[in-house]
Amino acid sequence: STNYADSVKGRFTISRDNAKNTLY
């Protein structure tokens, strides 16, 4: 699940790849 600051909602996307141990 994700949550964003109001200032970046609709422009930024957070995602994670658990297989690669990487956050984007």
mmCIF file of all heavy atoms, coordinates in Angstrom:
data_MODEL
# 
_entry.id   MODEL 
# 
loop_
_atom_site.group_PDB 
_atom_site.id 
_atom_site.type_symbol 
_atom_site.label_atom_id 
_atom_site.label_alt_id 
_atom_site.label_comp_id 
_atom_site.label_asym_id 
_atom_site.label_entity_id 
_atom_site.label_seq_id 
_atom_site.pdbx_PDB_ins_code 
_atom_site.Cartn_x 
_atom_site.Cartn_y 
_atom_site.Cartn_z 
_atom_site.occupancy 
_atom_site.B_iso_or_equiv 
_atom_site.pdbx_formal_charge 
_atom_site.auth_seq_id 
_atom_site.auth_comp_id 
_atom_site.auth_asym_id 
_atom_site.auth_atom_id 
_atom_site.pdbx_PDB_model_num 
ATOM 1   N N   . SER A 1 1  ? 0.859  -1.182  0.000   1.00 0.00 ? 1  SER A N   1 
ATOM 2   C CA  . SER A 1 1  ? 0.000  0.000   0.000   1.00 0.00 ? 1  SER A CA  1 
ATOM 3   C C   . SER A 1 1  ? 0.895  1.232   0.000   1.00 0.00 ? 1  SER A C   1 
ATOM 4   O O   . SER A 1 1  ? 2.040  1.189   0.467   1.00 0.00 ? 1  SER A O   1 
ATOM 5   C CB  . SER A 1 1  ? -0.932 0.003   1.199   1.00 0.00 ? 1  SER A CB  1 
ATOM 6   O OG  . SER A 1 1  ? -0.194 0.059   2.399   1.00 0.00 ? 1  SER A OG  1 
ATOM 7   N N   . THR A 1 2  ? 0.377  2.331   -0.538  1.00 0.00 ? 2  THR A N   1 
ATOM 8   C CA  . THR A 1 2  ? 1.195  3.534   -0.693  1.00 0.00 ? 2  THR A CA  1 
ATOM 9   C C   . THR A 1 2  ? 0.462  4.762   -0.189  1.00 0.00 ? 2  THR A C   1 
ATOM 10  O O   . THR A 1 2  ? -0.766 4.790   -0.100  1.00 0.00 ? 2  THR A O   1 
ATOM 11  C CB  . THR A 1 2  ? 1.572  3.744   -2.168  1.00 0.00 ? 2  THR A CB  1 
ATOM 12  O OG1 . THR A 1 2  ? 0.379  3.868   -2.946  1.00 0.00 ? 2  THR A OG1 1 
ATOM 13  C CG2 . THR A 1 2  ? 2.400  2.585   -2.701  1.00 0.00 ? 2  THR A CG2 1 
ATOM 14  N N   . ASN A 1 3  ? 1.245  5.782   0.108   1.00 0.00 ? 3  ASN A N   1 
ATOM 15  C CA  . ASN A 1 3  ? 0.679  7.058   0.497   1.00 0.00 ? 3  ASN A CA  1 
ATOM 16  C C   . ASN A 1 3  ? 1.640  8.146   0.058   1.00 0.00 ? 3  ASN A C   1 
ATOM 17  O O   . ASN A 1 3  ? 2.858  7.914   -0.020  1.00 0.00 ? 3  ASN A O   1 
ATOM 18  C CB  . ASN A 1 3  ? 0.467  7.126   2.009   1.00 0.00 ? 3  ASN A CB  1 
ATOM 19  C CG  . ASN A 1 3  ? -0.602 8.130   2.391   1.00 0.00 ? 3  ASN A CG  1 
ATOM 20  O OD1 . ASN A 1 3  ? -1.175 8.795   1.525   1.00 0.00 ? 3  ASN A OD1 1 
ATOM 21  N ND2 . ASN A 1 3  ? -0.876 8.261   3.673   1.00 0.00 ? 3  ASN A ND2 1 
ATOM 22  N N   . TYR A 1 4  ? 1.110  9.330   -0.236  1.00 0.00 ? 4  TYR A N   1 
ATOM 23  C CA  . TYR A 1 4  ? 1.909  10.412  -0.796  1.00 0.00 ? 4  TYR A CA  1 
ATOM 24  C C   . TYR A 1 4  ? 1.647  11.734  -0.095  1.00 0.00 ? 4  TYR A C   1 
ATOM 25  O O   . TYR A 1 4  ? 0.537  11.990  0.397   1.00 0.00 ? 4  TYR A O   1 
ATOM 26  C CB  . TYR A 1 4  ? 1.578  10.580  -2.285  1.00 0.00 ? 4  TYR A CB  1 
ATOM 27  C CG  . TYR A 1 4  ? 1.881  9.379   -3.127  1.00 0.00 ? 4  TYR A CG  1 
ATOM 28  C CD1 . TYR A 1 4  ? 0.936  8.387   -3.330  1.00 0.00 ? 4  TYR A CD1 1 
ATOM 29  C CD2 . TYR A 1 4  ? 3.145  9.230   -3.718  1.00 0.00 ? 4  TYR A CD2 1 
ATOM 30  C CE1 . TYR A 1 4  ? 1.230  7.275   -4.103  1.00 0.00 ? 4  TYR A CE1 1 
ATOM 31  C CE2 . TYR A 1 4  ? 3.440  8.119   -4.488  1.00 0.00 ? 4  TYR A CE2 1 
ATOM 32  C CZ  . TYR A 1 4  ? 2.482  7.151   -4.671  1.00 0.00 ? 4  TYR A CZ  1 
ATOM 33  O OH  . TYR A 1 4  ? 2.772  6.048   -5.433  1.00 0.00 ? 4  TYR A OH  1 
ATOM 34  N N   . ALA A 1 5  ? 2.655  12.573  -0.107  1.00 0.00 ? 5  ALA A N   1 
ATOM 35  C CA  . ALA A 1 5  ? 2.458  13.948  0.308   1.00 0.00 ? 5  ALA A CA  1 
ATOM 36  C C   . ALA A 1 5  ? 1.543  14.624  -0.707  1.00 0.00 ? 5  ALA A C   1 
ATOM 37  O O   . ALA A 1 5  ? 1.585  14.317  -1.898  1.00 0.00 ? 5  ALA A O   1 
ATOM 38  C CB  . ALA A 1 5  ? 3.795  14.676  0.380   1.00 0.00 ? 5  ALA A CB  1 
ATOM 39  N N   . ASP A 1 6  ? 0.730  15.547  -0.231  1.00 0.00 ? 6  ASP A N   1 
ATOM 40  C CA  . ASP A 1 6  ? -0.204 16.224  -1.127  1.00 0.00 ? 6  ASP A CA  1 
ATOM 41  C C   . ASP A 1 6  ? 0.520  16.917  -2.284  1.00 0.00 ? 6  ASP A C   1 
ATOM 42  O O   . ASP A 1 6  ? 0.011  16.982  -3.401  1.00 0.00 ? 6  ASP A O   1 
ATOM 43  C CB  . ASP A 1 6  ? -1.021 17.257  -0.348  1.00 0.00 ? 6  ASP A CB  1 
ATOM 44  C CG  . ASP A 1 6  ? -2.051 16.616  0.566   1.00 0.00 ? 6  ASP A CG  1 
ATOM 45  O OD1 . ASP A 1 6  ? -2.367 15.422  0.375   1.00 0.00 ? 6  ASP A OD1 1 
ATOM 46  O OD2 . ASP A 1 6  ? -2.528 17.301  1.487   1.00 0.00 ? 6  ASP A OD2 1 
ATOM 47  N N   . SER A 1 7  ? 1.711  17.402  -2.017  1.00 0.00 ? 7  SER A N   1 
ATOM 48  C CA  . SER A 1 7  ? 2.440  18.175  -3.021  1.00 0.00 ? 7  SER A CA  1 
ATOM 49  C C   . SER A 1 7  ? 2.900  17.333  -4.215  1.00 0.00 ? 7  SER A C   1 
ATOM 50  O O   . SER A 1 7  ? 3.253  17.881  -5.256  1.00 0.00 ? 7  SER A O   1 
ATOM 51  C CB  . SER A 1 7  ? 3.651  18.850  -2.385  1.00 0.00 ? 7  SER A CB  1 
ATOM 52  O OG  . SER A 1 7  ? 4.507  17.891  -1.799  1.00 0.00 ? 7  SER A OG  1 
ATOM 53  N N   . VAL A 1 8  ? 2.913  16.006  -4.063  1.00 0.00 ? 8  VAL A N   1 
ATOM 54  C CA  . VAL A 1 8  ? 3.402  15.157  -5.154  1.00 0.00 ? 8  VAL A CA  1 
ATOM 55  C C   . VAL A 1 8  ? 2.332  14.196  -5.685  1.00 0.00 ? 8  VAL A C   1 
ATOM 56  O O   . VAL A 1 8  ? 2.586  13.472  -6.653  1.00 0.00 ? 8  VAL A O   1 
ATOM 57  C CB  . VAL A 1 8  ? 4.660  14.358  -4.733  1.00 0.00 ? 8  VAL A CB  1 
ATOM 58  C CG1 . VAL A 1 8  ? 5.725  15.290  -4.181  1.00 0.00 ? 8  VAL A CG1 1 
ATOM 59  C CG2 . VAL A 1 8  ? 4.313  13.264  -3.742  1.00 0.00 ? 8  VAL A CG2 1 
ATOM 60  N N   . LYS A 1 9  ? 1.156  14.201  -5.079  1.00 0.00 ? 9  LYS A N   1 
ATOM 61  C CA  . LYS A 1 9  ? 0.094  13.288  -5.527  1.00 0.00 ? 9  LYS A CA  1 
ATOM 62  C C   . LYS A 1 9  ? -0.237 13.525  -6.989  1.00 0.00 ? 9  LYS A C   1 
ATOM 63  O O   . LYS A 1 9  ? -0.369 14.655  -7.434  1.00 0.00 ? 9  LYS A O   1 
ATOM 64  C CB  . LYS A 1 9  ? -1.163 13.487  -4.680  1.00 0.00 ? 9  LYS A CB  1 
ATOM 65  C CG  . LYS A 1 9  ? -1.127 12.776  -3.349  1.00 0.00 ? 9  LYS A CG  1 
ATOM 66  C CD  . LYS A 1 9  ? -2.422 12.996  -2.570  1.00 0.00 ? 9  LYS A CD  1 
ATOM 67  C CE  . LYS A 1 9  ? -2.360 12.313  -1.221  1.00 0.00 ? 9  LYS A CE  1 
ATOM 68  N NZ  . LYS A 1 9  ? -3.571 12.583  -0.410  1.00 0.00 ? 9  LYS A NZ  1 
ATOM 69  N N   . GLY A 1 10 ? -0.346 12.418  -7.727  1.00 0.00 ? 10 GLY A N   1 
ATOM 70  C CA  . GLY A 1 10 ? -0.657 12.516  -9.150  1.00 0.00 ? 10 GLY A CA  1 
ATOM 71  C C   . GLY A 1 10 ? 0.556  12.727  -10.033 1.00 0.00 ? 10 GLY A C   1 
ATOM 72  O O   . GLY A 1 10 ? 0.454  12.619  -11.256 1.00 0.00 ? 10 GLY A O   1 
ATOM 73  N N   . ARG A 1 11 ? 1.707  13.027  -9.431  1.00 0.00 ? 11 ARG A N   1 
ATOM 74  C CA  . ARG A 1 11 ? 2.937  13.232  -10.217 1.00 0.00 ? 11 ARG A CA  1 
ATOM 75  C C   . ARG A 1 11 ? 4.010  12.194  -9.910  1.00 0.00 ? 11 ARG A C   1 
ATOM 76  O O   . ARG A 1 11 ? 4.767  11.809  -10.806 1.00 0.00 ? 11 ARG A O   1 
ATOM 77  C CB  . ARG A 1 11 ? 3.503  14.629  -9.942  1.00 0.00 ? 11 ARG A CB  1 
ATOM 78  C CG  . ARG A 1 11 ? 2.574  15.760  -10.292 1.00 0.00 ? 11 ARG A CG  1 
ATOM 79  C CD  . ARG A 1 11 ? 3.276  17.115  -10.183 1.00 0.00 ? 11 ARG A CD  1 
ATOM 80  N NE  . ARG A 1 11 ? 3.740  17.382  -8.816  1.00 0.00 ? 11 ARG A NE  1 
ATOM 81  C CZ  . ARG A 1 11 ? 5.009  17.624  -8.513  1.00 0.00 ? 11 ARG A CZ  1 
ATOM 82  N NH1 . ARG A 1 11 ? 5.945  17.616  -9.444  1.00 0.00 ? 11 ARG A NH1 1 
ATOM 83  N NH2 . ARG A 1 11 ? 5.353  17.898  -7.253  1.00 0.00 ? 11 ARG A NH2 1 
ATOM 84  N N   . PHE A 1 12 ? 4.087  11.767  -8.662  1.00 0.00 ? 12 PHE A N   1 
ATOM 85  C CA  . PHE A 1 12 ? 5.105  10.807  -8.232  1.00 0.00 ? 12 PHE A CA  1 
ATOM 86  C C   . PHE A 1 12 ? 4.464  9.453   -7.965  1.00 0.00 ? 12 PHE A C   1 
ATOM 87  O O   . PHE A 1 12 ? 3.320  9.370   -7.499  1.00 0.00 ? 12 PHE A O   1 
ATOM 88  C CB  . PHE A 1 12 ? 5.783  11.271  -6.945  1.00 0.00 ? 12 PHE A CB  1 
ATOM 89  C CG  . PHE A 1 12 ? 6.678  12.479  -7.089  1.00 0.00 ? 12 PHE A CG  1 
ATOM 90  C CD1 . PHE A 1 12 ? 6.694  13.247  -8.237  1.00 0.00 ? 12 PHE A CD1 1 
ATOM 91  C CD2 . PHE A 1 12 ? 7.516  12.843  -6.053  1.00 0.00 ? 12 PHE A CD2 1 
ATOM 92  C CE1 . PHE A 1 12 ? 7.521  14.352  -8.357  1.00 0.00 ? 12 PHE A CE1 1 
ATOM 93  C CE2 . PHE A 1 12 ? 8.350  13.940  -6.149  1.00 0.00 ? 12 PHE A CE2 1 
ATOM 94  C CZ  . PHE A 1 12 ? 8.351  14.701  -7.307  1.00 0.00 ? 12 PHE A CZ  1 
ATOM 95  N N   . THR A 1 13 ? 5.229  8.397   -8.241  1.00 0.00 ? 13 THR A N   1 
ATOM 96  C CA  . THR A 1 13 ? 4.771  7.038   -7.957  1.00 0.00 ? 13 THR A CA  1 
ATOM 97  C C   . THR A 1 13 ? 5.883  6.272   -7.254  1.00 0.00 ? 13 THR A C   1 
ATOM 98  O O   . THR A 1 13 ? 7.005  6.180   -7.790  1.00 0.00 ? 13 THR A O   1 
ATOM 99  C CB  . THR A 1 13 ? 4.378  6.299   -9.239  1.00 0.00 ? 13 THR A CB  1 
ATOM 100 O OG1 . THR A 1 13 ? 3.341  7.028   -9.913  1.00 0.00 ? 13 THR A OG1 1 
ATOM 101 C CG2 . THR A 1 13 ? 3.866  4.903   -8.920  1.00 0.00 ? 13 THR A CG2 1 
ATOM 102 N N   . ILE A 1 14 ? 5.574  5.731   -6.096  1.00 0.00 ? 14 ILE A N   1 
ATOM 103 C CA  . ILE A 1 14 ? 6.529  4.892   -5.372  1.00 0.00 ? 14 ILE A CA  1 
ATOM 104 C C   . ILE A 1 14 ? 6.206  3.434   -5.668  1.00 0.00 ? 14 ILE A C   1 
ATOM 105 O O   . ILE A 1 14 ? 5.037  3.050   -5.754  1.00 0.00 ? 14 ILE A O   1 
ATOM 106 C CB  . ILE A 1 14 ? 6.486  5.174   -3.848  1.00 0.00 ? 14 ILE A CB  1 
ATOM 107 C CG1 . ILE A 1 14 ? 7.625  4.455   -3.134  1.00 0.00 ? 14 ILE A CG1 1 
ATOM 108 C CG2 . ILE A 1 14 ? 5.135  4.815   -3.255  1.00 0.00 ? 14 ILE A CG2 1 
ATOM 109 C CD1 . ILE A 1 14 ? 7.761  4.856   -1.660  1.00 0.00 ? 14 ILE A CD1 1 
ATOM 110 N N   . SER A 1 15 ? 7.239  2.640   -5.856  1.00 0.00 ? 15 SER A N   1 
ATOM 111 C CA  . SER A 1 15 ? 7.032  1.217   -6.102  1.00 0.00 ? 15 SER A CA  1 
ATOM 112 C C   . SER A 1 15 ? 8.227  0.452   -5.539  1.00 0.00 ? 15 SER A C   1 
ATOM 113 O O   . SER A 1 15 ? 9.287  1.017   -5.288  1.00 0.00 ? 15 SER A O   1 
ATOM 114 C CB  . SER A 1 15 ? 6.861  0.923   -7.595  1.00 0.00 ? 15 SER A CB  1 
ATOM 115 O OG  . SER A 1 15 ? 8.011  1.307   -8.317  1.00 0.00 ? 15 SER A OG  1 
ATOM 116 N N   . ARG A 1 16 ? 8.020  -0.847  -5.360  1.00 0.00 ? 16 ARG A N   1 
ATOM 117 C CA  . ARG A 1 16 ? 9.089  -1.671  -4.805  1.00 0.00 ? 16 ARG A CA  1 
ATOM 118 C C   . ARG A 1 16 ? 9.149  -2.999  -5.540  1.00 0.00 ? 16 ARG A C   1 
ATOM 119 O O   . ARG A 1 16 ? 8.114  -3.527  -5.964  1.00 0.00 ? 16 ARG A O   1 
ATOM 120 C CB  . ARG A 1 16 ? 8.882  -1.891  -3.317  1.00 0.00 ? 16 ARG A CB  1 
ATOM 121 C CG  . ARG A 1 16 ? 7.589  -2.572  -2.932  1.00 0.00 ? 16 ARG A CG  1 
ATOM 122 C CD  . ARG A 1 16 ? 7.309  -2.445  -1.432  1.00 0.00 ? 16 ARG A CD  1 
ATOM 123 N NE  . ARG A 1 16 ? 8.330  -3.130  -0.637  1.00 0.00 ? 16 ARG A NE  1 
ATOM 124 C CZ  . ARG A 1 16 ? 8.528  -2.921  0.666   1.00 0.00 ? 16 ARG A CZ  1 
ATOM 125 N NH1 . ARG A 1 16 ? 7.785  -2.035  1.308   1.00 0.00 ? 16 ARG A NH1 1 
ATOM 126 N NH2 . ARG A 1 16 ? 9.450  -3.591  1.321   1.00 0.00 ? 16 ARG A NH2 1 
ATOM 127 N N   . ASP A 1 17 ? 10.362 -3.491  -5.717  1.00 0.00 ? 17 ASP A N   1 
ATOM 128 C CA  . ASP A 1 17 ? 10.602 -4.793  -6.321  1.00 0.00 ? 17 ASP A CA  1 
ATOM 129 C C   . ASP A 1 17 ? 11.286 -5.651  -5.258  1.00 0.00 ? 17 ASP A C   1 
ATOM 130 O O   . ASP A 1 17 ? 12.499 -5.534  -5.047  1.00 0.00 ? 17 ASP A O   1 
ATOM 131 C CB  . ASP A 1 17 ? 11.472 -4.649  -7.571  1.00 0.00 ? 17 ASP A CB  1 
ATOM 132 C CG  . ASP A 1 17 ? 11.629 -5.954  -8.331  1.00 0.00 ? 17 ASP A CG  1 
ATOM 133 O OD1 . ASP A 1 17 ? 11.509 -7.029  -7.708  1.00 0.00 ? 17 ASP A OD1 1 
ATOM 134 O OD2 . ASP A 1 17 ? 11.892 -5.902  -9.535  1.00 0.00 ? 17 ASP A OD2 1 
ATOM 135 N N   . ASN A 1 18 ? 10.516 -6.493  -4.600  1.00 0.00 ? 18 ASN A N   1 
ATOM 136 C CA  . ASN A 1 18 ? 11.075 -7.294  -3.513  1.00 0.00 ? 18 ASN A CA  1 
ATOM 137 C C   . ASN A 1 18 ? 12.095 -8.315  -4.006  1.00 0.00 ? 18 ASN A C   1 
ATOM 138 O O   . ASN A 1 18 ? 12.997 -8.698  -3.262  1.00 0.00 ? 18 ASN A O   1 
ATOM 139 C CB  . ASN A 1 18 ? 9.958  -7.997  -2.744  1.00 0.00 ? 18 ASN A CB  1 
ATOM 140 C CG  . ASN A 1 18 ? 9.143  -7.037  -1.892  1.00 0.00 ? 18 ASN A CG  1 
ATOM 141 O OD1 . ASN A 1 18 ? 9.609  -5.950  -1.540  1.00 0.00 ? 18 ASN A OD1 1 
ATOM 142 N ND2 . ASN A 1 18 ? 7.928  -7.415  -1.568  1.00 0.00 ? 18 ASN A ND2 1 
ATOM 143 N N   . ALA A 1 19 ? 11.968 -8.753  -5.242  1.00 0.00 ? 19 ALA A N   1 
ATOM 144 C CA  . ALA A 1 19 ? 12.933 -9.710  -5.789  1.00 0.00 ? 19 ALA A CA  1 
ATOM 145 C C   . ALA A 1 19 ? 14.307 -9.075  -5.981  1.00 0.00 ? 19 ALA A C   1 
ATOM 146 O O   . ALA A 1 19 ? 15.336 -9.740  -5.884  1.00 0.00 ? 19 ALA A O   1 
ATOM 147 C CB  . ALA A 1 19 ? 12.423 -10.276 -7.104  1.00 0.00 ? 19 ALA A CB  1 
ATOM 148 N N   . LYS A 1 20 ? 14.312 -7.770  -6.249  1.00 0.00 ? 20 LYS A N   1 
ATOM 149 C CA  . LYS A 1 20 ? 15.570 -7.047  -6.471  1.00 0.00 ? 20 LYS A CA  1 
ATOM 150 C C   . LYS A 1 20 ? 15.974 -6.215  -5.262  1.00 0.00 ? 20 LYS A C   1 
ATOM 151 O O   . LYS A 1 20 ? 16.990 -5.522  -5.314  1.00 0.00 ? 20 LYS A O   1 
ATOM 152 C CB  . LYS A 1 20 ? 15.442 -6.131  -7.695  1.00 0.00 ? 20 LYS A CB  1 
ATOM 153 C CG  . LYS A 1 20 ? 15.226 -6.871  -8.999  1.00 0.00 ? 20 LYS A CG  1 
ATOM 154 C CD  . LYS A 1 20 ? 15.153 -5.895  -10.165 1.00 0.00 ? 20 LYS A CD  1 
ATOM 155 C CE  . LYS A 1 20 ? 14.973 -6.641  -11.477 1.00 0.00 ? 20 LYS A CE  1 
ATOM 156 N NZ  . LYS A 1 20 ? 14.890 -5.702  -12.636 1.00 0.00 ? 20 LYS A NZ  1 
ATOM 157 N N   . ASN A 1 21 ? 15.175 -6.282  -4.197  1.00 0.00 ? 21 ASN A N   1 
ATOM 158 C CA  . ASN A 1 21 ? 15.460 -5.470  -2.998  1.00 0.00 ? 21 ASN A CA  1 
ATOM 159 C C   . ASN A 1 21 ? 15.630 -3.996  -3.356  1.00 0.00 ? 21 ASN A C   1 
ATOM 160 O O   . ASN A 1 21 ? 16.559 -3.320  -2.867  1.00 0.00 ? 21 ASN A O   1 
ATOM 161 C CB  . ASN A 1 21 ? 16.716 -5.981  -2.287  1.00 0.00 ? 21 ASN A CB  1 
ATOM 162 C CG  . ASN A 1 21 ? 16.553 -7.368  -1.731  1.00 0.00 ? 21 ASN A CG  1 
ATOM 163 O OD1 . ASN A 1 21 ? 15.442 -7.775  -1.365  1.00 0.00 ? 21 ASN A OD1 1 
ATOM 164 N ND2 . ASN A 1 21 ? 17.631 -8.115  -1.685  1.00 0.00 ? 21 ASN A ND2 1 
ATOM 165 N N   . THR A 1 22 ? 14.761 -3.500  -4.197  1.00 0.00 ? 22 THR A N   1 
ATOM 166 C CA  . THR A 1 22 ? 14.918 -2.139  -4.706  1.00 0.00 ? 22 THR A CA  1 
ATOM 167 C C   . THR A 1 22 ? 13.610 -1.367  -4.610  1.00 0.00 ? 22 THR A C   1 
ATOM 168 O O   . THR A 1 22 ? 12.543 -1.886  -4.917  1.00 0.00 ? 22 THR A O   1 
ATOM 169 C CB  . THR A 1 22 ? 15.401 -2.151  -6.169  1.00 0.00 ? 22 THR A CB  1 
ATOM 170 O OG1 . THR A 1 22 ? 16.636 -2.864  -6.239  1.00 0.00 ? 22 THR A OG1 1 
ATOM 171 C CG2 . THR A 1 22 ? 15.626 -0.733  -6.673  1.00 0.00 ? 22 THR A CG2 1 
ATOM 172 N N   . LEU A 1 23 ? 13.749 -0.117  -4.186  1.00 0.00 ? 23 LEU A N   1 
ATOM 173 C CA  . LEU A 1 23 ? 12.642 0.820   -4.097  1.00 0.00 ? 23 LEU A CA  1 
ATOM 174 C C   . LEU A 1 23 ? 12.816 1.864   -5.193  1.00 0.00 ? 23 LEU A C   1 
ATOM 175 O O   . LEU A 1 23 ? 13.947 2.257   -5.495  1.00 0.00 ? 23 LEU A O   1 
ATOM 176 C CB  . LEU A 1 23 ? 12.656 1.516   -2.732  1.00 0.00 ? 23 LEU A CB  1 
ATOM 177 C CG  . LEU A 1 23 ? 11.568 2.543   -2.459  1.00 0.00 ? 23 LEU A CG  1 
ATOM 178 C CD1 . LEU A 1 23 ? 10.237 1.845   -2.207  1.00 0.00 ? 23 LEU A CD1 1 
ATOM 179 C CD2 . LEU A 1 23 ? 11.954 3.412   -1.271  1.00 0.00 ? 23 LEU A CD2 1 
ATOM 180 N N   . TYR A 1 24 ? 11.705 2.295   -5.771  1.00 0.00 ? 24 TYR A N   1 
ATOM 181 C CA  . TYR A 1 24 ? 11.756 3.290   -6.839  1.00 0.00 ? 24 TYR A CA  1 
ATOM 182 C C   . TYR A 1 24 ? 10.870 4.482   -6.503  1.00 0.00 ? 24 TYR A C   1 
ATOM 183 O O   . TYR A 1 24 ? 9.907  4.379   -5.747  1.00 0.00 ? 24 TYR A O   1 
ATOM 184 C CB  . TYR A 1 24 ? 11.283 2.685   -8.161  1.00 0.00 ? 24 TYR A CB  1 
ATOM 185 C CG  . TYR A 1 24 ? 12.060 1.478   -8.609  1.00 0.00 ? 24 TYR A CG  1 
ATOM 186 C CD1 . TYR A 1 24 ? 11.579 0.194   -8.398  1.00 0.00 ? 24 TYR A CD1 1 
ATOM 187 C CD2 . TYR A 1 24 ? 13.291 1.627   -9.242  1.00 0.00 ? 24 TYR A CD2 1 
ATOM 188 C CE1 . TYR A 1 24 ? 12.297 -0.916  -8.804  1.00 0.00 ? 24 TYR A CE1 1 
ATOM 189 C CE2 . TYR A 1 24 ? 14.020 0.526   -9.656  1.00 0.00 ? 24 TYR A CE2 1 
ATOM 190 C CZ  . TYR A 1 24 ? 13.516 -0.738  -9.430  1.00 0.00 ? 24 TYR A CZ  1 
ATOM 191 O OH  . TYR A 1 24 ? 14.234 -1.840  -9.835  1.00 0.00 ? 24 TYR A OH  1 
# 
